[in-house]
Amino acid sequence: MIGIDLSASAVKTLELSGTADAPQIEQSAIVALKEGAMVDNALVDFDAVVGALRRALDMHGKGKERLAFALPDSVVMMKSVVLAAMQSEREFEELVMMEAARFVPFSLDEVALDWQVLGPGHIEDTVETFIVAARRDRVDELVALADAVDAQPAVVDVASLAWQRAMFRNAEKERSNRIEAHCNLGANLLEVLIFHRGKRIFDRTQPVGGRQLEHELMRRSGKTAQEVEQMMRQRSWPIDLLSQVVTPFCDTLAQEIARALQYFFATQSSDHIDGVVLGGGLAALPMLPDAVRQRVAVPVEVADPWKGFHLHPRLRDRLQPVDAPRMIIATGLALRRFES
């Protein structure tokens, strides 16, 4: 199974082998997307995305593959409910459908629906059940994308759940009592996810100017987009670009993260967080952790979803630690192979 992360800037793929306790990164690819192919997590230029996905899968070099996609949280409806524990699977399904009809603002004929029993409820003879629903046309779009590259659409997940799977893998004890803000810093969007004891309790998405940063770096340096990308991966920044472009951008981005956290404090029962985790492509900016730390006054770390993973020897010259933060969702999706 290959995890597929479709973002505004690139198609990112990751394939794992080994075991759930000792995963190995078997293959990975990052193929740039032309600007406008994906807008606000929506597929706009189908052919451009198909072309990029096909080039990425060619690097995996096998036959017909099983793909795991993720829908953005903005198009997914999720709810945890406590339902009566029924002896009959059909009766329980009817209970789930009745509960879904209460919070899904569409006809159930128009949605793709799934659920999972999490465990016993707080009342005797009940179970806590997690229900997920999305418009069927958004799911069909991903199925069509897989068909276009002659692959099997094996999984359609949710972006925040894939992120959670990658970041909280084998870390339950470490993060058991923590309230953490996880920031997905994409080319056009900043998504802030707040987790408490490994469960998401808040999310907020707002625009950021990652593309504008790229354009400004290209204009000032005279480099191509690919050269700017390489400059970021190698962290080989000219001093003038750092001081005049990157540092001011990091200050602005840190301010946006702080504002999202203030909104969390104003609307939720908690008045603090224990740390901030930075992920996504912009997490590689060298000044960003310090800028965020100054704004929020809590520990800040750059995400490492590959902690404890092995790397196939052929990838050692191609994959670098700086790539890990932008591969969190792809990693969470690739981990689904150990659940099936």
C-alpha atoms as a PDB file:
ATOM      1  CA  MET A   1       0.000   0.000   0.000  1.00  0.00           C
ATOM      2  CA  ILE A   2       1.285   3.448  -0.952  1.00  0.00           C
ATOM      3  CA  GLY A   3       0.257   6.533   1.020  1.00  0.00           C
ATOM      4  CA  ILE A   4      -0.708   9.427  -1.289  1.00  0.00           C
ATOM      5  CA  ASP A   5      -0.729  13.000   0.039  1.00  0.00           C
ATOM      6  CA  LEU A   6      -2.148  15.530  -2.430  1.00  0.00           C
ATOM      7  CA  SER A   7      -1.148  19.060  -1.441  1.00  0.00           C
ATOM      8  CA  ALA A   8      -1.103  22.423  -3.187  1.00  0.00           C
ATOM      9  CA  SER A   9       2.602  22.134  -3.961  1.00  0.00           C
ATOM     10  CA  ALA A  10       3.226  18.454  -4.665  1.00  0.00           C
ATOM     11  CA  VAL A  11       2.081  14.858  -4.822  1.00  0.00           C
ATOM     12  CA  LYS A  12       3.897  13.006  -2.031  1.00  0.00           C
ATOM     13  CA  THR A  13       4.030   9.220  -1.856  1.00  0.00           C
ATOM     14  CA  LEU A  14       5.413   6.805   0.714  1.00  0.00           C
ATOM     15  CA  GLU A  15       5.607   3.015   0.779  1.00  0.00           C
ATOM     16  CA  LEU A  16       6.564   0.968   3.835  1.00  0.00           C
ATOM     17  CA  SER A  17       7.744  -2.577   4.338  1.00  0.00           C
ATOM     18  CA  GLY A  18       8.832  -4.460   7.457  1.00  0.00           C
ATOM     19  CA  THR A  19       6.506  -4.733  10.439  1.00  0.00           C
ATOM     20  CA  ALA A  20       4.335  -2.413  12.496  1.00  0.00           C
ATOM     21  CA  ASP A  21       7.004  -2.423  15.230  1.00  0.00           C
ATOM     22  CA  ALA A  22       9.895  -1.891  12.823  1.00  0.00           C
ATOM     23  CA  PRO A  23       8.714  -0.177   9.619  1.00  0.00           C
ATOM     24  CA  GLN A  24      11.112   0.419   6.755  1.00  0.00           C
ATOM     25  CA  ILE A  25      10.724   3.175   4.196  1.00  0.00           C
ATOM     26  CA  GLU A  26      10.783   1.166   0.982  1.00  0.00           C
ATOM     27  CA  GLN A  27      10.205   3.985  -1.498  1.00  0.00           C
ATOM     28  CA  SER A  28       9.102   7.622  -1.542  1.00  0.00           C
ATOM     29  CA  ALA A  29       8.564  10.383  -4.064  1.00  0.00           C
ATOM     30  CA  ILE A  30       7.789  14.084  -4.093  1.00  0.00           C
ATOM     31  CA  VAL A  31       6.600  15.383  -7.472  1.00  0.00           C
ATOM     32  CA  ALA A  32       5.900  19.097  -7.784  1.00  0.00           C
ATOM     33  CA  LEU A  33       2.450  20.230  -8.911  1.00  0.00           C
ATOM     34  CA  LYS A  34       1.925  23.251 -11.087  1.00  0.00           C
ATOM     35  CA  GLU A  35       0.347  26.169  -9.283  1.00  0.00           C
ATOM     36  CA  GLY A  36      -3.449  25.977  -9.282  1.00  0.00           C
ATOM     37  CA  ALA A  37      -3.713  22.202  -9.781  1.00  0.00           C
ATOM     38  CA  MET A  38      -4.873  21.867  -6.152  1.00  0.00           C
ATOM     39  CA  VAL A  39      -6.606  24.838  -4.517  1.00  0.00           C
ATOM     40  CA  ASP A  40      -7.727  24.825  -0.867  1.00  0.00           C
ATOM     41  CA  ASN A  41      -7.344  21.036  -0.762  1.00  0.00           C
ATOM     42  CA  ALA A  42      -9.640  20.659  -3.788  1.00  0.00           C
ATOM     43  CA  LEU A  43      -8.596  18.954  -7.017  1.00  0.00           C
ATOM     44  CA  VAL A  44      -8.904  21.600  -9.761  1.00  0.00           C
ATOM     45  CA  ASP A  45      -6.741  20.341 -12.648  1.00  0.00           C
ATOM     46  CA  PHE A  46      -7.442  16.602 -12.790  1.00  0.00           C
ATOM     47  CA  ASP A  47      -5.008  15.899 -15.651  1.00  0.00           C
ATOM     48  CA  ALA A  48      -2.136  17.726 -13.948  1.00  0.00           C
ATOM     49  CA  VAL A  49      -2.633  15.753 -10.739  1.00  0.00           C
ATOM     50  CA  VAL A  50      -2.894  12.483 -12.685  1.00  0.00           C
ATOM     51  CA  GLY A  51       0.381  13.264 -14.457  1.00  0.00           C
ATOM     52  CA  ALA A  52       2.201  14.052 -11.217  1.00  0.00           C
ATOM     53  CA  LEU A  53       0.784  10.968  -9.487  1.00  0.00           C
ATOM     54  CA  ARG A  54       1.812   8.765 -12.384  1.00  0.00           C
ATOM     55  CA  ARG A  55       5.387  10.110 -12.270  1.00  0.00           C
ATOM     56  CA  ALA A  56       5.502   9.495  -8.519  1.00  0.00           C
ATOM     57  CA  LEU A  57       4.226   5.919  -8.858  1.00  0.00           C
ATOM     58  CA  ASP A  58       6.740   5.227 -11.618  1.00  0.00           C
ATOM     59  CA  MET A  59       9.449   5.703  -8.992  1.00  0.00           C
ATOM     60  CA  HIS A  60       7.879   2.881  -6.977  1.00  0.00           C
ATOM     61  CA  GLY A  61       8.411   0.704 -10.027  1.00  0.00           C
ATOM     62  CA  LYS A  62       5.902  -2.119  -9.622  1.00  0.00           C
ATOM     63  CA  GLY A  63       2.606  -3.282 -11.069  1.00  0.00           C
ATOM     64  CA  LYS A  64      -0.898  -2.231 -10.081  1.00  0.00           C
ATOM     65  CA  GLU A  65      -0.650  -0.685  -6.626  1.00  0.00           C
ATOM     66  CA  ARG A  66      -3.027  -0.263  -3.698  1.00  0.00           C
ATOM     67  CA  LEU A  67      -3.309   3.430  -2.841  1.00  0.00           C
ATOM     68  CA  ALA A  68      -4.329   5.135   0.394  1.00  0.00           C
ATOM     69  CA  PHE A  69      -5.698   8.679   0.009  1.00  0.00           C
ATOM     70  CA  ALA A  70      -6.847  11.239   2.570  1.00  0.00           C
ATOM     71  CA  LEU A  71      -9.737  13.681   2.354  1.00  0.00           C
ATOM     72  CA  PRO A  72      -9.210  17.122   3.898  1.00  0.00           C
ATOM     73  CA  ASP A  73     -10.976  17.612   7.216  1.00  0.00           C
ATOM     74  CA  SER A  74     -12.940  20.525   5.756  1.00  0.00           C
ATOM     75  CA  VAL A  75     -15.084  18.139   3.673  1.00  0.00           C
ATOM     76  CA  VAL A  76     -15.479  15.418   6.321  1.00  0.00           C
ATOM     77  CA  MET A  77     -18.034  15.170   9.140  1.00  0.00           C
ATOM     78  CA  MET A  78     -16.869  13.242  12.231  1.00  0.00           C
ATOM     79  CA  LYS A  79     -18.563  12.524  15.528  1.00  0.00           C
ATOM     80  CA  SER A  80     -18.078  10.221  18.526  1.00  0.00           C
ATOM     81  CA  VAL A  81     -21.357   8.906  19.948  1.00  0.00           C
ATOM     82  CA  VAL A  82     -22.409   6.397  22.580  1.00  0.00           C
ATOM     83  CA  LEU A  83     -24.785   3.781  21.177  1.00  0.00           C
ATOM     84  CA  ALA A  84     -26.528   0.740  22.586  1.00  0.00           C
ATOM     85  CA  ALA A  85     -24.515  -2.448  22.179  1.00  0.00           C
ATOM     86  CA  MET A  86     -26.651  -4.567  19.836  1.00  0.00           C
ATOM     87  CA  GLN A  87     -26.357  -8.312  19.332  1.00  0.00           C
ATOM     88  CA  SER A  88     -27.256  -8.011  15.667  1.00  0.00           C
ATOM     89  CA  GLU A  89     -24.796  -6.319  13.299  1.00  0.00           C
ATOM     90  CA  ARG A  90     -27.702  -5.160  11.133  1.00  0.00           C
ATOM     91  CA  GLU A  91     -29.485  -3.562  14.095  1.00  0.00           C
ATOM     92  CA  PHE A  92     -26.295  -1.753  15.108  1.00  0.00           C
ATOM     93  CA  GLU A  93     -25.840  -0.480  11.550  1.00  0.00           C
ATOM     94  CA  GLU A  94     -29.368   0.930  11.654  1.00  0.00           C
ATOM     95  CA  LEU A  95     -28.488   2.752  14.898  1.00  0.00           C
ATOM     96  CA  VAL A  96     -25.396   4.232  13.258  1.00  0.00           C
ATOM     97  CA  MET A  97     -27.398   5.387  10.244  1.00  0.00           C
ATOM     98  CA  MET A  98     -30.008   7.024  12.482  1.00  0.00           C
ATOM     99  CA  GLU A  99     -27.301   8.869  14.417  1.00  0.00           C
ATOM    100  CA  ALA A 100     -25.522   9.926  11.219  1.00  0.00           C
ATOM    101  CA  ALA A 101     -28.759  11.375   9.840  1.00  0.00           C
ATOM    102  CA  ARG A 102     -28.821  13.747  12.827  1.00  0.00           C
ATOM    103  CA  PHE A 103     -25.504  15.460  12.118  1.00  0.00           C
ATOM    104  CA  VAL A 104     -24.879  14.948   8.390  1.00  0.00           C
ATOM    105  CA  PRO A 105     -26.453  17.890   6.499  1.00  0.00           C
ATOM    106  CA  PHE A 106     -27.076  15.833   3.343  1.00  0.00           C
ATOM    107  CA  SER A 107     -29.183  12.891   2.342  1.00  0.00           C
ATOM    108  CA  LEU A 108     -27.383   9.719   3.401  1.00  0.00           C
ATOM    109  CA  ASP A 109     -27.735   8.532  -0.200  1.00  0.00           C
ATOM    110  CA  GLU A 110     -25.248  11.282  -1.142  1.00  0.00           C
ATOM    111  CA  VAL A 111     -22.547  10.422   1.377  1.00  0.00           C
ATOM    112  CA  ALA A 112     -19.920   7.761   1.979  1.00  0.00           C
ATOM    113  CA  LEU A 113     -20.200   6.619   5.582  1.00  0.00           C
ATOM    114  CA  ASP A 114     -17.980   4.552   7.871  1.00  0.00           C
ATOM    115  CA  TRP A 115     -17.707   3.913  11.591  1.00  0.00           C
ATOM    116  CA  GLN A 116     -15.558   2.171  14.165  1.00  0.00           C
ATOM    117  CA  VAL A 117     -16.379   0.960  17.658  1.00  0.00           C
ATOM    118  CA  LEU A 118     -13.769   2.454  19.996  1.00  0.00           C
ATOM    119  CA  GLY A 119     -14.687   0.558  23.133  1.00  0.00           C
ATOM    120  CA  PRO A 120     -17.247   0.339  25.943  1.00  0.00           C
ATOM    121  CA  GLY A 121     -19.327   3.433  26.638  1.00  0.00           C
ATOM    122  CA  HIS A 122     -19.625   5.112  30.019  1.00  0.00           C
ATOM    123  CA  ILE A 123     -23.071   3.510  30.481  1.00  0.00           C
ATOM    124  CA  GLU A 124     -23.554  -0.239  30.825  1.00  0.00           C
ATOM    125  CA  ASP A 125     -24.342  -2.112  27.600  1.00  0.00           C
ATOM    126  CA  THR A 126     -23.224   0.778  25.394  1.00  0.00           C
ATOM    127  CA  VAL A 127     -20.238   1.314  23.075  1.00  0.00           C
ATOM    128  CA  GLU A 128     -18.421   4.473  22.013  1.00  0.00           C
ATOM    129  CA  THR A 129     -18.597   4.698  18.238  1.00  0.00           C
ATOM    130  CA  PHE A 130     -16.719   7.014  15.873  1.00  0.00           C
ATOM    131  CA  ILE A 131     -18.715   7.941  12.754  1.00  0.00           C
ATOM    132  CA  VAL A 132     -17.179   9.529   9.654  1.00  0.00           C
ATOM    133  CA  ALA A 133     -19.053  10.794   6.594  1.00  0.00           C
ATOM    134  CA  ALA A 134     -18.159  12.692   3.421  1.00  0.00           C
ATOM    135  CA  ARG A 135     -19.890  13.657   0.212  1.00  0.00           C
ATOM    136  CA  ARG A 136     -19.691  10.685  -2.116  1.00  0.00           C
ATOM    137  CA  ASP A 137     -18.510  12.846  -5.018  1.00  0.00           C
ATOM    138  CA  ARG A 138     -15.304  13.712  -3.109  1.00  0.00           C
ATOM    139  CA  VAL A 139     -14.611  10.017  -2.583  1.00  0.00           C
ATOM    140  CA  ASP A 140     -15.477   9.195  -6.210  1.00  0.00           C
ATOM    141  CA  GLU A 141     -12.946  11.821  -7.317  1.00  0.00           C
ATOM    142  CA  LEU A 142     -10.144   9.938  -5.597  1.00  0.00           C
ATOM    143  CA  VAL A 143     -11.364   6.635  -7.010  1.00  0.00           C
ATOM    144  CA  ALA A 144     -11.250   8.183 -10.492  1.00  0.00           C
ATOM    145  CA  LEU A 145      -7.727   9.434  -9.819  1.00  0.00           C
ATOM    146  CA  ALA A 146      -6.580   5.911  -8.917  1.00  0.00           C
ATOM    147  CA  ASP A 147      -8.318   4.458 -11.970  1.00  0.00           C
ATOM    148  CA  ALA A 148      -6.544   7.002 -14.197  1.00  0.00           C
ATOM    149  CA  VAL A 149      -3.145   5.682 -13.083  1.00  0.00           C
ATOM    150  CA  ASP A 150      -4.236   2.027 -13.200  1.00  0.00           C
ATOM    151  CA  ALA A 151      -4.099   1.590  -9.431  1.00  0.00           C
ATOM    152  CA  GLN A 152      -6.499   0.289  -6.795  1.00  0.00           C
ATOM    153  CA  PRO A 153      -8.029   2.842  -4.386  1.00  0.00           C
ATOM    154  CA  ALA A 154      -7.743   0.710  -1.252  1.00  0.00           C
ATOM    155  CA  VAL A 155      -8.249   3.356   1.467  1.00  0.00           C
ATOM    156  CA  VAL A 156      -9.858   6.779   1.742  1.00  0.00           C
ATOM    157  CA  ASP A 157      -8.847   8.193   5.123  1.00  0.00           C
ATOM    158  CA  VAL A 158      -9.072  11.632   6.747  1.00  0.00           C
ATOM    159  CA  ALA A 159      -6.033  13.929   6.769  1.00  0.00           C
ATOM    160  CA  SER A 160      -6.078  14.649  10.515  1.00  0.00           C
ATOM    161  CA  LEU A 161      -6.480  10.945  11.336  1.00  0.00           C
ATOM    162  CA  ALA A 162      -3.504  10.082   9.113  1.00  0.00           C
ATOM    163  CA  TRP A 163      -1.510  12.849  10.830  1.00  0.00           C
ATOM    164  CA  GLN A 164      -2.527  11.490  14.241  1.00  0.00           C
ATOM    165  CA  ARG A 165      -1.548   7.930  13.286  1.00  0.00           C
ATOM    166  CA  ALA A 166       1.921   9.053  12.171  1.00  0.00           C
ATOM    167  CA  MET A 167       2.664  11.401  15.067  1.00  0.00           C
ATOM    168  CA  PHE A 168       1.221   9.395  17.962  1.00  0.00           C
ATOM    169  CA  ARG A 169       2.511   6.016  16.874  1.00  0.00           C
ATOM    170  CA  ASN A 170       4.155   4.363  19.909  1.00  0.00           C
ATOM    171  CA  ALA A 171       3.982   7.662  21.823  1.00  0.00           C
ATOM    172  CA  GLU A 172       0.881   7.157  23.975  1.00  0.00           C
ATOM    173  CA  LYS A 173       2.782   7.215  27.263  1.00  0.00           C
ATOM    174  CA  GLU A 174       5.013  10.124  26.252  1.00  0.00           C
ATOM    175  CA  ARG A 175       2.035  12.278  25.257  1.00  0.00           C
ATOM    176  CA  SER A 176      -0.599  10.776  27.570  1.00  0.00           C
ATOM    177  CA  ASN A 177      -1.418  13.935  29.528  1.00  0.00           C
ATOM    178  CA  ARG A 178      -0.210  16.574  27.108  1.00  0.00           C
ATOM    179  CA  ILE A 179      -2.163  19.188  25.181  1.00  0.00           C
ATOM    180  CA  GLU A 180      -0.251  19.745  21.939  1.00  0.00           C
ATOM    181  CA  ALA A 181      -0.772  22.064  18.986  1.00  0.00           C
ATOM    182  CA  HIS A 182       0.246  20.406  15.718  1.00  0.00           C
ATOM    183  CA  CYS A 183       0.703  22.855  12.828  1.00  0.00           C
ATOM    184  CA  ASN A 184       0.452  21.615   9.249  1.00  0.00           C
ATOM    185  CA  LEU A 185       2.230  24.364   7.309  1.00  0.00           C
ATOM    186  CA  GLY A 186       1.329  23.949   3.652  1.00  0.00           C
ATOM    187  CA  ALA A 187       2.027  26.138   0.661  1.00  0.00           C
ATOM    188  CA  ASN A 188      -1.320  27.922   0.924  1.00  0.00           C
ATOM    189  CA  LEU A 189      -2.943  26.792   4.180  1.00  0.00           C
ATOM    190  CA  LEU A 190      -2.059  26.629   7.856  1.00  0.00           C
ATOM    191  CA  GLU A 191      -3.980  23.973   9.762  1.00  0.00           C
ATOM    192  CA  VAL A 192      -3.694  23.927  13.550  1.00  0.00           C
ATOM    193  CA  LEU A 193      -4.770  20.686  15.240  1.00  0.00           C
ATOM    194  CA  ILE A 194      -4.973  20.502  19.030  1.00  0.00           C
ATOM    195  CA  PHE A 195      -4.599  17.043  20.557  1.00  0.00           C
ATOM    196  CA  HIS A 196      -5.297  16.112  24.175  1.00  0.00           C
ATOM    197  CA  ARG A 197      -4.220  12.656  25.261  1.00  0.00           C
ATOM    198  CA  GLY A 198      -3.834  11.688  21.634  1.00  0.00           C
ATOM    199  CA  LYS A 199      -7.359  12.776  20.629  1.00  0.00           C
ATOM    200  CA  ARG A 200      -8.105  15.786  18.443  1.00  0.00           C
ATOM    201  CA  ILE A 201     -10.148  18.380  20.327  1.00  0.00           C
ATOM    202  CA  PHE A 202      -9.824  21.420  18.044  1.00  0.00           C
ATOM    203  CA  ASP A 203      -8.850  22.387  14.511  1.00  0.00           C
ATOM    204  CA  ARG A 204      -8.575  25.656  12.646  1.00  0.00           C
ATOM    205  CA  THR A 205      -7.512  26.338   9.058  1.00  0.00           C
ATOM    206  CA  GLN A 206      -6.473  29.669   7.594  1.00  0.00           C
ATOM    207  CA  PRO A 207      -4.551  30.859   4.509  1.00  0.00           C
ATOM    208  CA  VAL A 208      -0.796  31.430   4.545  1.00  0.00           C
ATOM    209  CA  GLY A 209       1.529  32.860   1.911  1.00  0.00           C
ATOM    210  CA  GLY A 210       3.868  29.975   1.193  1.00  0.00           C
ATOM    211  CA  ARG A 211       3.549  30.437  -2.555  1.00  0.00           C
ATOM    212  CA  GLN A 212       4.228  34.158  -2.199  1.00  0.00           C
ATOM    213  CA  LEU A 213       7.379  33.318  -0.238  1.00  0.00           C
ATOM    214  CA  GLU A 214       8.505  31.010  -3.029  1.00  0.00           C
ATOM    215  CA  HIS A 215       7.865  33.698  -5.656  1.00  0.00           C
ATOM    216  CA  GLU A 216       9.760  36.317  -3.653  1.00  0.00           C
ATOM    217  CA  LEU A 217      12.713  33.983  -3.163  1.00  0.00           C
ATOM    218  CA  MET A 218      12.756  33.260  -6.890  1.00  0.00           C
ATOM    219  CA  ARG A 219      12.563  36.961  -7.763  1.00  0.00           C
ATOM    220  CA  ARG A 220      15.336  38.027  -5.414  1.00  0.00           C
ATOM    221  CA  SER A 221      17.692  35.114  -6.067  1.00  0.00           C
ATOM    222  CA  GLY A 222      17.067  34.650  -9.778  1.00  0.00           C
ATOM    223  CA  LYS A 223      16.625  30.931  -9.175  1.00  0.00           C
ATOM    224  CA  THR A 224      13.971  28.560 -10.503  1.00  0.00           C
ATOM    225  CA  ALA A 225      11.314  26.959  -8.294  1.00  0.00           C
ATOM    226  CA  GLN A 226      13.313  23.718  -8.307  1.00  0.00           C
ATOM    227  CA  GLU A 227      16.469  25.571  -7.224  1.00  0.00           C
ATOM    228  CA  VAL A 228      14.596  27.323  -4.418  1.00  0.00           C
ATOM    229  CA  GLU A 229      13.244  23.937  -3.313  1.00  0.00           C
ATOM    230  CA  GLN A 230      16.768  22.514  -3.258  1.00  0.00           C
ATOM    231  CA  MET A 231      18.014  25.543  -1.343  1.00  0.00           C
ATOM    232  CA  MET A 232      15.361  24.867   1.304  1.00  0.00           C
ATOM    233  CA  ARG A 233      16.140  21.145   1.517  1.00  0.00           C
ATOM    234  CA  GLN A 234      19.883  21.775   1.849  1.00  0.00           C
ATOM    235  CA  ARG A 235      19.333  24.768   4.155  1.00  0.00           C
ATOM    236  CA  SER A 236      21.893  26.718   2.129  1.00  0.00           C
ATOM    237  CA  TRP A 237      20.388  30.185   2.481  1.00  0.00           C
ATOM    238  CA  PRO A 238      22.178  33.350   1.352  1.00  0.00           C
ATOM    239  CA  ILE A 239      22.407  35.757   4.291  1.00  0.00           C
ATOM    240  CA  ASP A 240      20.472  38.523   2.529  1.00  0.00           C
ATOM    241  CA  LEU A 241      17.533  36.229   1.767  1.00  0.00           C
ATOM    242  CA  LEU A 242      17.442  35.028   5.364  1.00  0.00           C
ATOM    243  CA  SER A 243      17.372  38.507   6.829  1.00  0.00           C
ATOM    244  CA  GLN A 244      15.191  40.268   4.245  1.00  0.00           C
ATOM    245  CA  VAL A 245      12.701  37.559   3.239  1.00  0.00           C
ATOM    246  CA  VAL A 246      12.726  34.405   5.374  1.00  0.00           C
ATOM    247  CA  THR A 247      12.928  35.972   8.836  1.00  0.00           C
ATOM    248  CA  PRO A 248      10.031  38.440   8.297  1.00  0.00           C
ATOM    249  CA  PHE A 249       7.925  35.645   6.801  1.00  0.00           C
ATOM    250  CA  CYS A 250       8.632  33.388   9.806  1.00  0.00           C
ATOM    251  CA  ASP A 251       7.635  36.200  12.168  1.00  0.00           C
ATOM    252  CA  THR A 252       4.322  36.636  10.334  1.00  0.00           C
ATOM    253  CA  LEU A 253       3.681  32.885  10.284  1.00  0.00           C
ATOM    254  CA  ALA A 254       4.442  32.614  14.007  1.00  0.00           C
ATOM    255  CA  GLN A 255       1.954  35.411  14.640  1.00  0.00           C
ATOM    256  CA  GLU A 256      -0.738  33.483  12.724  1.00  0.00           C
ATOM    257  CA  ILE A 257      -0.051  30.355  14.793  1.00  0.00           C
ATOM    258  CA  ALA A 258      -0.318  32.399  17.991  1.00  0.00           C
ATOM    259  CA  ARG A 259      -3.653  33.850  16.826  1.00  0.00           C
ATOM    260  CA  ALA A 260      -5.020  30.361  16.143  1.00  0.00           C
ATOM    261  CA  LEU A 261      -4.013  29.332  19.667  1.00  0.00           C
ATOM    262  CA  GLN A 262      -5.680  32.421  21.152  1.00  0.00           C
ATOM    263  CA  TYR A 263      -8.873  31.409  19.350  1.00  0.00           C
ATOM    264  CA  PHE A 264      -8.537  27.943  20.898  1.00  0.00           C
ATOM    265  CA  PHE A 265      -8.157  29.413  24.388  1.00  0.00           C
ATOM    266  CA  ALA A 266     -11.146  31.698  23.834  1.00  0.00           C
ATOM    267  CA  THR A 267     -13.493  28.954  22.645  1.00  0.00           C
ATOM    268  CA  GLN A 268     -12.376  25.896  24.621  1.00  0.00           C
ATOM    269  CA  SER A 269     -12.172  25.041  28.317  1.00  0.00           C
ATOM    270  CA  SER A 270      -8.362  24.841  28.333  1.00  0.00           C
ATOM    271  CA  ASP A 271      -6.186  27.905  28.943  1.00  0.00           C
ATOM    272  CA  HIS A 272      -2.798  26.404  28.061  1.00  0.00           C
ATOM    273  CA  ILE A 273      -0.911  24.032  25.781  1.00  0.00           C
ATOM    274  CA  ASP A 274       2.184  21.991  26.602  1.00  0.00           C
ATOM    275  CA  GLY A 275       3.956  22.271  23.272  1.00  0.00           C
ATOM    276  CA  VAL A 276       3.834  23.045  19.560  1.00  0.00           C
ATOM    277  CA  VAL A 277       4.780  20.597  16.784  1.00  0.00           C
ATOM    278  CA  LEU A 278       5.607  21.993  13.334  1.00  0.00           C
ATOM    279  CA  GLY A 279       5.027  19.921  10.200  1.00  0.00           C
ATOM    280  CA  GLY A 280       4.457  20.459   6.489  1.00  0.00           C
ATOM    281  CA  GLY A 281       6.749  21.970   3.875  1.00  0.00           C
ATOM    282  CA  LEU A 282       7.275  25.315   5.618  1.00  0.00           C
ATOM    283  CA  ALA A 283       8.475  23.576   8.808  1.00  0.00           C
ATOM    284  CA  ALA A 284      11.895  23.430   7.133  1.00  0.00           C
ATOM    285  CA  LEU A 285      12.302  27.214   7.426  1.00  0.00           C
ATOM    286  CA  PRO A 286      15.293  27.662   9.756  1.00  0.00           C
ATOM    287  CA  MET A 287      13.980  30.658  11.718  1.00  0.00           C
ATOM    288  CA  LEU A 288      10.468  29.341  12.303  1.00  0.00           C
ATOM    289  CA  PRO A 289      10.824  27.306  15.551  1.00  0.00           C
ATOM    290  CA  ASP A 290      12.457  30.229  17.384  1.00  0.00           C
ATOM    291  CA  ALA A 291       9.875  32.678  16.017  1.00  0.00           C
ATOM    292  CA  VAL A 292       6.999  30.479  17.222  1.00  0.00           C
ATOM    293  CA  ARG A 293       8.695  29.879  20.580  1.00  0.00           C
ATOM    294  CA  GLN A 294       8.942  33.618  21.178  1.00  0.00           C
ATOM    295  CA  ARG A 295       5.238  34.083  20.392  1.00  0.00           C
ATOM    296  CA  VAL A 296       3.743  31.198  22.388  1.00  0.00           C
ATOM    297  CA  ALA A 297       6.305  30.686  25.175  1.00  0.00           C
ATOM    298  CA  VAL A 298       6.103  26.863  25.151  1.00  0.00           C
ATOM    299  CA  PRO A 299       8.464  24.184  23.783  1.00  0.00           C
ATOM    300  CA  VAL A 300       8.445  23.976  19.968  1.00  0.00           C
ATOM    301  CA  GLU A 301       9.677  21.006  17.942  1.00  0.00           C
ATOM    302  CA  VAL A 302       9.832  20.087  14.270  1.00  0.00           C
ATOM    303  CA  ALA A 303       7.859  16.918  13.604  1.00  0.00           C
ATOM    304  CA  ASP A 304       9.663  13.637  12.962  1.00  0.00           C
ATOM    305  CA  PRO A 305       7.141  11.014  11.795  1.00  0.00           C
ATOM    306  CA  TRP A 306      10.022   8.692  10.856  1.00  0.00           C
ATOM    307  CA  LYS A 307      11.350   8.262  14.390  1.00  0.00           C
ATOM    308  CA  GLY A 308      12.162   4.574  14.813  1.00  0.00           C
ATOM    309  CA  PHE A 309      11.825   3.832  11.083  1.00  0.00           C
ATOM    310  CA  HIS A 310      14.485   2.110   9.026  1.00  0.00           C
ATOM    311  CA  LEU A 311      15.488   3.539   5.649  1.00  0.00           C
ATOM    312  CA  HIS A 312      16.158   1.336   2.645  1.00  0.00           C
ATOM    313  CA  PRO A 313      19.858   1.717   1.692  1.00  0.00           C
ATOM    314  CA  ARG A 314      19.030   2.916  -1.820  1.00  0.00           C
ATOM    315  CA  LEU A 315      17.203   5.942  -0.377  1.00  0.00           C
ATOM    316  CA  ARG A 316      19.971   7.191   1.897  1.00  0.00           C
ATOM    317  CA  ASP A 317      21.311   9.684  -0.642  1.00  0.00           C
ATOM    318  CA  ARG A 318      17.863  10.876  -1.705  1.00  0.00           C
ATOM    319  CA  LEU A 319      15.759  11.159   1.463  1.00  0.00           C
ATOM    320  CA  GLN A 320      16.922  13.560   4.146  1.00  0.00           C
ATOM    321  CA  PRO A 321      15.637  14.359   7.655  1.00  0.00           C
ATOM    322  CA  VAL A 322      14.373  17.704   6.322  1.00  0.00           C
ATOM    323  CA  ASP A 323      11.877  15.751   4.146  1.00  0.00           C
ATOM    324  CA  ALA A 324      10.193  14.043   7.108  1.00  0.00           C
ATOM    325  CA  PRO A 325       7.974  16.936   8.335  1.00  0.00           C
ATOM    326  CA  ARG A 326       6.317  17.340   4.942  1.00  0.00           C
ATOM    327  CA  MET A 327       5.601  13.599   4.708  1.00  0.00           C
ATOM    328  CA  ILE A 328       3.483  13.220   7.865  1.00  0.00           C
ATOM    329  CA  ILE A 329       0.149  12.555   6.131  1.00  0.00           C
ATOM    330  CA  ALA A 330       1.725  10.241   3.544  1.00  0.00           C
ATOM    331  CA  THR A 331       3.400   8.363   6.411  1.00  0.00           C
ATOM    332  CA  GLY A 332       0.135   8.027   8.326  1.00  0.00           C
ATOM    333  CA  LEU A 333      -1.546   6.661   5.209  1.00  0.00           C
ATOM    334  CA  ALA A 334       1.283   4.233   4.450  1.00  0.00           C
ATOM    335  CA  LEU A 335       0.977   2.878   8.007  1.00  0.00           C
ATOM    336  CA  ARG A 336      -2.487   1.595   7.065  1.00  0.00           C
ATOM    337  CA  ARG A 337      -0.770  -1.418   5.461  1.00  0.00           C
ATOM    338  CA  PHE A 338      -0.191  -2.815   8.953  1.00  0.00           C
ATOM    339  CA  GLU A 339      -3.886  -2.572   9.814  1.00  0.00           C
ATOM    340  CA  SER A 340      -5.193  -4.669   6.939  1.00  0.00           C
END
